[in-house]
N, C-alpha and C. Protein backbone atom coordinates (compact mmCIF):
# COMPACT_ATOMS: atom_id res chain seq x y z
N UNK A 1 -43.73 8.55 -23.18
CA UNK A 1 -42.45 8.46 -22.12
C UNK A 1 -41.86 7.39 -21.89
N UNK A 2 -42.48 6.17 -21.80
CA UNK A 2 -41.93 4.55 -21.52
C UNK A 2 -40.78 4.36 -22.60
N UNK A 3 -40.84 4.81 -23.85
CA UNK A 3 -39.83 5.14 -25.03
C UNK A 3 -38.24 5.71 -24.20
N UNK A 4 -38.66 6.74 -23.85
CA UNK A 4 -37.58 7.68 -23.42
C UNK A 4 -37.03 7.15 -21.86
N UNK A 5 -37.76 6.47 -21.09
CA UNK A 5 -37.45 5.73 -20.00
C UNK A 5 -36.44 4.36 -20.09
N UNK A 6 -37.11 3.77 -21.30
CA UNK A 6 -36.18 2.92 -21.69
C UNK A 6 -35.05 2.72 -22.66
N UNK A 7 -34.59 3.72 -23.04
CA UNK A 7 -33.82 4.24 -23.99
C UNK A 7 -32.52 5.19 -23.07
N UNK A 8 -33.16 5.64 -22.01
CA UNK A 8 -32.22 6.19 -20.96
C UNK A 8 -31.63 4.93 -20.09
N UNK A 9 -32.38 3.87 -19.64
CA UNK A 9 -31.58 2.42 -19.37
C UNK A 9 -31.07 1.87 -19.87
N UNK A 10 -31.28 1.91 -21.77
CA UNK A 10 -29.74 1.25 -22.76
C UNK A 10 -29.02 2.31 -22.56
N UNK A 11 -28.84 3.44 -22.58
CA UNK A 11 -28.19 4.48 -22.58
C UNK A 11 -27.05 4.32 -21.20
N UNK A 12 -27.97 3.85 -20.20
CA UNK A 12 -26.77 3.79 -18.95
C UNK A 12 -26.26 2.20 -19.65
N UNK A 13 -27.00 1.34 -19.95
CA UNK A 13 -26.34 -0.30 -20.20
C UNK A 13 -24.98 0.14 -20.73
N UNK A 14 -25.11 1.07 -21.60
CA UNK A 14 -23.81 1.40 -22.69
C UNK A 14 -22.35 2.19 -22.28
N UNK A 15 -22.97 3.18 -21.15
CA UNK A 15 -22.00 3.83 -20.37
C UNK A 15 -21.74 2.69 -19.51
N UNK A 16 -22.29 1.50 -18.85
CA UNK A 16 -21.32 1.08 -18.03
C UNK A 16 -20.81 0.03 -18.43
N UNK A 17 -21.04 -0.61 -20.02
CA UNK A 17 -20.29 -1.41 -20.78
C UNK A 17 -18.80 -0.66 -21.20
N UNK A 18 -18.95 0.80 -21.14
CA UNK A 18 -17.90 1.31 -21.67
C UNK A 18 -16.69 1.43 -20.62
N UNK A 19 -17.64 1.72 -19.03
CA UNK A 19 -16.80 1.70 -18.25
C UNK A 19 -16.05 0.61 -18.05
N UNK A 20 -16.60 -0.91 -18.22
CA UNK A 20 -15.88 -2.47 -18.15
C UNK A 20 -14.64 -1.99 -19.05
N UNK A 21 -14.82 -1.19 -20.16
CA UNK A 21 -13.72 -1.69 -21.03
C UNK A 21 -12.52 -0.54 -20.49
N UNK A 22 -13.33 0.60 -20.49
CA UNK A 22 -11.59 1.70 -19.97
C UNK A 22 -11.09 1.04 -18.43
N UNK A 23 -11.86 0.32 -17.74
CA UNK A 23 -11.10 -0.65 -16.19
C UNK A 23 -10.16 -1.41 -16.63
N UNK A 24 -9.63 -1.90 -17.85
CA UNK A 24 -8.66 -2.22 -17.89
C UNK A 24 -7.25 -1.71 -18.01
N UNK A 25 -7.86 -0.19 -18.08
CA UNK A 25 -6.75 1.08 -17.64
C UNK A 25 -6.28 1.10 -16.62
N UNK A 26 -7.17 0.82 -15.35
CA UNK A 26 -7.50 1.70 -14.12
C UNK A 26 -5.77 0.68 -13.18
N UNK A 27 -5.22 -0.63 -13.51
CA UNK A 27 -4.20 -1.22 -12.92
C UNK A 27 -3.31 -0.06 -13.09
N UNK A 28 -3.24 -0.26 -14.50
CA UNK A 28 -1.81 0.27 -15.05
C UNK A 28 -1.42 1.87 -14.66
N UNK A 29 -2.93 2.59 -14.82
CA UNK A 29 -2.96 3.88 -14.36
C UNK A 29 -2.51 4.29 -12.79
N UNK A 30 -3.34 3.35 -12.29
CA UNK A 30 -2.89 3.75 -10.79
C UNK A 30 -1.81 3.04 -9.97
N UNK A 31 -0.66 2.41 -10.97
CA UNK A 31 0.17 1.59 -10.70
C UNK A 31 -0.43 0.52 -9.43
N UNK A 32 -0.97 -0.74 -9.85
CA UNK A 32 -1.76 -1.35 -9.03
C UNK A 32 -0.44 -2.36 -8.66
N UNK A 33 0.56 -2.99 -9.57
CA UNK A 33 1.49 -3.42 -9.25
C UNK A 33 2.10 -3.48 -8.31
N UNK A 34 2.57 -2.11 -8.29
CA UNK A 34 3.65 -1.17 -7.45
C UNK A 34 3.36 -1.41 -6.22
N UNK A 35 2.15 -0.49 -6.29
CA UNK A 35 1.38 -0.47 -5.17
C UNK A 35 0.90 -1.59 -3.89
N UNK A 36 0.92 -2.70 -4.47
CA UNK A 36 0.37 -3.88 -3.83
C UNK A 36 1.21 -5.10 -4.28
N UNK A 37 2.77 -4.63 -4.13
CA UNK A 37 3.66 -5.45 -3.97
C UNK A 37 4.59 -5.77 -2.62
N UNK A 38 3.71 -4.92 -1.51
CA UNK A 38 4.05 -4.83 -0.28
C UNK A 38 3.11 -5.37 0.60
N UNK A 39 2.14 -5.91 -0.14
CA UNK A 39 0.96 -6.50 0.33
C UNK A 39 1.46 -8.18 0.44
N UNK A 40 0.73 -9.28 1.61
CA UNK A 40 1.10 -10.18 1.27
C UNK A 40 0.38 -11.47 -0.02
N UNK A 41 0.47 -12.51 -0.35
CA UNK A 41 0.20 -12.80 -1.95
C UNK A 41 -1.65 -13.28 -0.94
N UNK A 42 -2.15 -13.07 0.02
CA UNK A 42 -3.41 -13.42 0.48
C UNK A 42 -3.92 -12.20 0.04
N UNK A 43 -3.90 -11.69 0.61
CA UNK A 43 -4.35 -9.87 0.85
C UNK A 43 -4.64 -9.02 -0.77
N UNK A 44 -3.17 -9.40 -1.55
CA UNK A 44 -3.37 -8.83 -2.35
C UNK A 44 -4.50 -9.43 -4.10
N UNK A 45 -4.38 -11.05 -3.54
CA UNK A 45 -5.38 -12.14 -4.05
C UNK A 45 -6.62 -11.13 -4.16
N UNK A 46 -6.96 -10.65 -3.02
CA UNK A 46 -8.13 -11.13 -2.57
C UNK A 46 -8.65 -9.36 -2.97
N UNK A 47 -7.60 -8.19 -3.01
CA UNK A 47 -7.84 -7.13 -3.62
C UNK A 47 -8.22 -7.28 -5.22
N UNK A 48 -7.53 -8.02 -5.68
CA UNK A 48 -7.47 -8.44 -7.26
C UNK A 48 -9.13 -9.09 -6.90
N UNK A 49 -9.24 -10.05 -6.58
CA UNK A 49 -10.53 -10.76 -6.33
C UNK A 49 -11.35 -9.85 -6.48
N UNK A 50 -11.90 -8.83 -5.46
CA UNK A 50 -12.84 -7.47 -5.24
C UNK A 50 -12.93 -7.32 -6.80
N UNK A 51 -11.88 -6.62 -7.24
CA UNK A 51 -11.77 -5.69 -8.00
C UNK A 51 -12.50 -6.49 -9.80
N UNK A 52 -12.41 -7.94 -9.50
CA UNK A 52 -12.92 -8.78 -10.60
C UNK A 52 -14.71 -8.63 -10.41
N UNK A 53 -15.18 -8.49 -8.74
CA UNK A 53 -16.21 -9.00 -8.69
C UNK A 53 -17.23 -7.55 -9.21
N UNK A 54 -16.25 -6.50 -9.02
CA UNK A 54 -16.65 -5.31 -9.29
C UNK A 54 -17.00 -5.23 -11.21
N UNK A 55 -15.92 -5.40 -11.40
CA UNK A 55 -16.13 -5.05 -12.98
C UNK A 55 -16.86 -6.24 -13.54
N UNK A 56 -17.12 -7.49 -12.78
CA UNK A 56 -18.27 -8.37 -13.19
C UNK A 56 -19.94 -8.05 -12.82
N UNK A 57 -19.94 -7.45 -11.89
CA UNK A 57 -21.32 -7.04 -11.31
C UNK A 57 -21.57 -5.50 -12.49
N UNK A 58 -20.48 -4.46 -12.80
CA UNK A 58 -20.84 -3.49 -13.84
C UNK A 58 -21.26 -4.47 -15.07
N UNK A 59 -20.47 -5.25 -15.63
CA UNK A 59 -21.08 -6.17 -16.99
C UNK A 59 -22.66 -6.49 -16.66
N UNK A 60 -22.74 -7.05 -15.30
CA UNK A 60 -24.21 -7.64 -15.54
C UNK A 60 -25.27 -6.56 -15.81
N UNK A 61 -24.49 -5.58 -15.07
CA UNK A 61 -25.60 -4.19 -15.04
C UNK A 61 -25.72 -4.04 -16.61
N UNK A 62 -24.55 -3.78 -17.05
CA UNK A 62 -24.27 -3.14 -18.52
C UNK A 62 -25.80 -4.34 -19.28
N UNK A 63 -25.41 -5.45 -19.07
CA UNK A 63 -25.91 -6.66 -20.37
C UNK A 63 -27.77 -6.30 -20.02
N UNK A 64 -27.88 -6.44 -18.33
CA UNK A 64 -29.18 -6.68 -18.19
C UNK A 64 -30.15 -5.12 -18.16
N UNK A 65 -29.59 -3.79 -18.51
CA UNK A 65 -30.12 -2.94 -18.92
C UNK A 65 -29.94 -2.56 -20.34
N UNK A 66 -29.26 -3.26 -21.07
CA UNK A 66 -29.15 -3.28 -22.55
C UNK A 66 -30.11 -4.48 -23.22
N UNK A 67 -30.04 -4.92 -22.56
CA UNK A 67 -30.73 -6.52 -23.03
C UNK A 67 -32.13 -6.25 -22.90
N UNK A 68 -32.52 -6.24 -21.40
CA UNK A 68 -33.42 -6.90 -20.70
C UNK A 68 -34.25 -4.99 -20.23
N UNK A 69 -34.04 -4.10 -20.84
CA UNK A 69 -34.69 -2.92 -20.27
C UNK A 69 -36.24 -2.63 -20.15
N UNK A 70 -36.63 -3.37 -21.32
CA UNK A 70 -38.35 -3.47 -20.87
C UNK A 70 -38.56 -4.50 -19.88
N UNK A 71 -37.97 -5.63 -19.68
CA UNK A 71 -38.63 -6.71 -18.72
C UNK A 71 -38.31 -5.79 -17.18
N UNK A 72 -37.39 -5.06 -16.99
CA UNK A 72 -36.78 -4.29 -15.86
C UNK A 72 -37.97 -3.43 -15.53
N UNK A 73 -38.35 -2.94 -16.30
CA UNK A 73 -39.36 -1.51 -16.02
C UNK A 73 -40.83 -2.46 -16.30
N UNK A 74 -41.07 -3.46 -16.65
CA UNK A 74 -42.69 -3.58 -16.84
C UNK A 74 -42.67 -4.98 -15.78
N UNK A 75 -41.69 -6.12 -15.25
CA UNK A 75 -42.08 -7.04 -14.35
C UNK A 75 -42.47 -6.70 -13.35
N UNK A 76 -42.47 -5.68 -12.59
CA UNK A 76 -43.20 -5.70 -11.40
C UNK A 76 -41.82 -5.81 -10.58
N UNK A 77 -42.50 -6.47 -9.23
CA UNK A 77 -41.67 -6.20 -8.00
C UNK A 77 -40.32 -6.52 -8.65
N UNK A 78 -39.91 -7.51 -9.29
CA UNK A 78 -38.57 -7.96 -9.49
C UNK A 78 -37.75 -6.79 -10.59
N UNK A 79 -38.24 -6.33 -11.12
CA UNK A 79 -37.52 -5.15 -12.01
C UNK A 79 -37.01 -4.30 -11.11
N UNK A 80 -38.20 -3.91 -10.30
CA UNK A 80 -38.38 -2.91 -9.67
C UNK A 80 -37.01 -2.99 -8.66
N UNK A 81 -36.72 -3.95 -7.82
CA UNK A 81 -36.11 -4.62 -7.14
C UNK A 81 -34.41 -4.28 -7.78
N UNK A 82 -34.30 -4.87 -8.94
CA UNK A 82 -33.21 -5.15 -9.26
C UNK A 82 -32.36 -3.66 -10.18
N UNK A 83 -33.93 -2.51 -10.26
CA UNK A 83 -33.48 -1.16 -10.82
C UNK A 83 -32.70 -0.64 -8.96
N UNK A 84 -33.64 -1.08 -8.42
CA UNK A 84 -33.14 -0.27 -7.10
C UNK A 84 -32.00 -0.52 -6.21
N UNK A 85 -31.39 -1.90 -6.90
CA UNK A 85 -29.77 -2.62 -5.94
C UNK A 85 -29.15 -1.53 -7.07
N UNK A 86 -29.51 -1.60 -8.21
CA UNK A 86 -28.40 -0.54 -8.75
C UNK A 86 -28.18 0.69 -8.61
N UNK A 87 -29.33 1.34 -8.37
CA UNK A 87 -29.29 2.70 -7.81
C UNK A 87 -28.62 2.67 -6.75
N UNK A 88 -28.89 1.67 -5.47
CA UNK A 88 -28.03 1.93 -4.30
C UNK A 88 -26.79 1.73 -4.47
N UNK A 89 -26.25 0.46 -5.46
CA UNK A 89 -25.20 0.16 -5.88
C UNK A 89 -24.25 1.55 -6.32
N UNK A 90 -24.71 2.28 -7.12
CA UNK A 90 -24.21 3.38 -7.64
C UNK A 90 -24.11 4.77 -6.90
N UNK A 91 -25.04 4.92 -5.68
CA UNK A 91 -25.51 6.01 -4.96
C UNK A 91 -24.40 5.85 -4.03
N UNK A 92 -24.11 4.33 -3.39
CA UNK A 92 -22.90 3.88 -2.91
C UNK A 92 -21.21 4.31 -3.26
N UNK A 93 -21.35 4.38 -4.45
CA UNK A 93 -20.40 4.59 -5.14
C UNK A 93 -19.68 6.09 -4.80
N UNK A 94 -20.90 7.10 -5.14
CA UNK A 94 -20.39 8.34 -4.93
C UNK A 94 -20.12 8.47 -3.70
N UNK A 95 -20.61 7.83 -2.99
CA UNK A 95 -20.89 8.35 -1.23
C UNK A 95 -19.07 8.14 -0.88
N UNK A 96 -18.55 6.64 -1.58
CA UNK A 96 -17.50 6.23 -1.37
C UNK A 96 -16.46 7.69 -2.22
N UNK A 97 -16.55 7.95 -3.37
CA UNK A 97 -15.87 8.45 -4.15
C UNK A 97 -15.55 10.17 -3.13
N UNK A 98 -16.77 10.53 -2.36
CA UNK A 98 -16.49 11.89 -2.08
C UNK A 98 -16.14 11.49 -0.05
N UNK A 99 -16.79 10.89 0.14
CA UNK A 99 -16.31 10.43 1.69
C UNK A 99 -15.53 9.56 1.89
N UNK A 100 -15.12 8.56 1.74
CA UNK A 100 -14.09 7.93 1.94
C UNK A 100 -12.38 7.90 1.50
N UNK A 101 -12.71 7.79 0.11
CA UNK A 101 -11.55 7.85 -1.16
C UNK A 101 -10.49 8.87 -0.61
N UNK A 102 -9.25 8.52 -0.49
CA UNK A 102 -8.54 9.47 0.05
C UNK A 102 -7.61 9.56 -1.81
N UNK A 103 -7.63 10.72 -2.49
CA UNK A 103 -7.52 11.12 -3.80
C UNK A 103 -5.65 11.19 -3.89
N UNK A 104 -5.23 11.00 -2.50
CA UNK A 104 -3.81 11.89 -2.21
C UNK A 104 -3.12 10.94 -3.02
N UNK A 105 -3.31 9.49 -3.16
CA UNK A 105 -2.46 8.52 -3.87
C UNK A 105 -2.27 8.07 -5.27
N UNK A 106 -3.49 9.38 -6.17
CA UNK A 106 -3.59 9.16 -7.51
C UNK A 106 -2.21 9.92 -8.16
N UNK A 107 -2.27 9.45 -8.83
CA UNK A 107 -0.67 9.97 -9.40
C UNK A 107 -1.83 11.82 -10.31
N UNK A 108 -0.97 12.26 -9.80
CA UNK A 108 -1.66 14.13 -10.33
C UNK A 108 -1.37 14.22 -11.80
N UNK A 109 -1.99 13.36 -12.94
CA UNK A 109 -2.03 13.96 -14.35
C UNK A 109 -3.19 14.26 -14.86
N UNK A 110 -3.48 15.19 -15.60
CA UNK A 110 -4.33 15.52 -16.35
C UNK A 110 -5.25 14.48 -16.62
N UNK A 111 -4.70 13.27 -17.47
CA UNK A 111 -5.31 12.09 -17.74
C UNK A 111 -6.40 11.59 -16.43
N UNK A 112 -5.38 11.42 -15.53
CA UNK A 112 -6.07 11.46 -14.49
C UNK A 112 -7.35 12.56 -13.73
N UNK A 113 -7.17 13.19 -13.94
CA UNK A 113 -8.22 14.02 -13.55
C UNK A 113 -9.42 14.32 -14.15
N UNK A 114 -8.95 14.29 -15.88
CA UNK A 114 -10.18 14.43 -16.52
C UNK A 114 -10.96 12.86 -16.03
N UNK A 115 -10.12 11.96 -16.35
CA UNK A 115 -11.04 10.63 -16.35
C UNK A 115 -11.52 10.44 -15.22
N UNK A 116 -11.31 10.93 -13.72
CA UNK A 116 -12.27 11.05 -12.75
C UNK A 116 -13.44 11.92 -12.34
N UNK A 117 -13.23 13.03 -13.33
CA UNK A 117 -14.27 13.85 -13.48
C UNK A 117 -15.57 12.98 -14.46
N UNK A 118 -15.05 12.70 -15.42
CA UNK A 118 -16.27 12.00 -16.42
C UNK A 118 -16.62 10.57 -15.65
N UNK A 119 -15.63 10.25 -14.76
CA UNK A 119 -16.67 8.96 -13.80
C UNK A 119 -17.36 9.48 -12.89
N UNK A 120 -16.88 10.60 -12.68
CA UNK A 120 -17.89 10.99 -11.07
C UNK A 120 -19.17 11.62 -11.91
N UNK A 121 -19.26 12.09 -12.90
CA UNK A 121 -20.04 12.90 -13.91
C UNK A 121 -21.10 11.08 -13.99
N UNK A 122 -20.78 10.38 -14.84
CA UNK A 122 -21.07 8.82 -15.00
C UNK A 122 -22.16 8.54 -14.02
N UNK A 123 -21.26 8.30 -12.53
CA UNK A 123 -21.72 7.67 -11.55
C UNK A 123 -23.47 8.47 -11.19
N UNK A 124 -22.90 9.46 -11.10
CA UNK A 124 -24.05 10.72 -10.80
C UNK A 124 -25.38 10.53 -12.19
N UNK A 125 -25.18 10.28 -13.10
CA UNK A 125 -26.47 9.99 -14.47
C UNK A 125 -26.71 8.29 -14.28
N UNK A 126 -26.18 7.52 -13.66
CA UNK A 126 -26.63 6.30 -13.42
C UNK A 126 -27.56 6.19 -12.23
N UNK A 127 -27.20 7.16 -11.26
CA UNK A 127 -27.91 7.02 -9.77
C UNK A 127 -29.45 7.80 -10.79
N UNK A 128 -29.23 8.72 -11.36
CA UNK A 128 -30.42 9.21 -11.61
C UNK A 128 -31.35 8.65 -12.81
N UNK A 129 -30.52 8.02 -13.55
CA UNK A 129 -31.33 6.89 -14.35
C UNK A 129 -32.07 5.69 -13.44
N UNK A 130 -31.40 5.15 -12.70
CA UNK A 130 -31.70 3.80 -12.19
C UNK A 130 -33.03 4.56 -10.69
N UNK A 131 -32.60 5.00 -10.20
CA UNK A 131 -33.58 5.90 -9.42
C UNK A 131 -34.67 6.30 -9.88
N UNK A 132 -34.69 7.12 -11.22
CA UNK A 132 -35.98 6.99 -12.15
C UNK A 132 -36.38 5.96 -12.82
N UNK A 133 -36.03 5.31 -12.95
CA UNK A 133 -36.47 3.93 -13.31
C UNK A 133 -37.09 3.16 -12.16
N UNK A 134 -36.84 3.22 -11.47
CA UNK A 134 -37.42 2.71 -9.75
C UNK A 134 -38.92 3.42 -9.45
N UNK A 135 -38.66 5.01 -9.87
CA UNK A 135 -39.77 6.25 -9.56
C UNK A 135 -40.81 5.58 -10.84
N UNK A 136 -40.32 5.45 -11.63
CA UNK A 136 -41.36 5.15 -12.97
C UNK A 136 -42.05 3.39 -12.93
N UNK A 137 -41.26 2.88 -12.56
CA UNK A 137 -41.69 1.40 -12.82
C UNK A 137 -42.69 1.37 -11.41
N UNK A 138 -42.40 1.96 -10.50
CA UNK A 138 -43.63 1.98 -9.17
C UNK A 138 -44.91 2.70 -9.45
N UNK A 139 -44.95 3.56 -10.32
CA UNK A 139 -46.51 4.16 -11.01
C UNK A 139 -46.77 3.92 -12.00
N UNK A 140 -46.22 3.11 -12.75
CA UNK A 140 -46.88 2.41 -13.83
C UNK A 140 -46.92 0.67 -14.14
């Protein structure tokens, strides 16, 4: 069972790495330059800074899930805390998706609809993997 759990964690890492790669297209698809042009420079810079922090976090989650899956699962409280943090991160992302995001401003293209559906599916899978790993690591 440990091998399956570890593999799930590594697949989650690959998914987040893929998310980092496709995130490069998000500013263009959502027309960030045009939509942030009316903001004062400081607010626009803060927006891009936060976007880079999120991208960096996703990359970090990907790397540790891929390269340190076994350590996350067997290192005791530290591994459980990190897995729990990633579980909270993705749970909050889903909550934001359904309760805070106003999707009215998203260009209504077939590509954007499919992309959003795939992203939400990935977020649910990441929640399941990380919380599953937390439970597994706490019981073994």
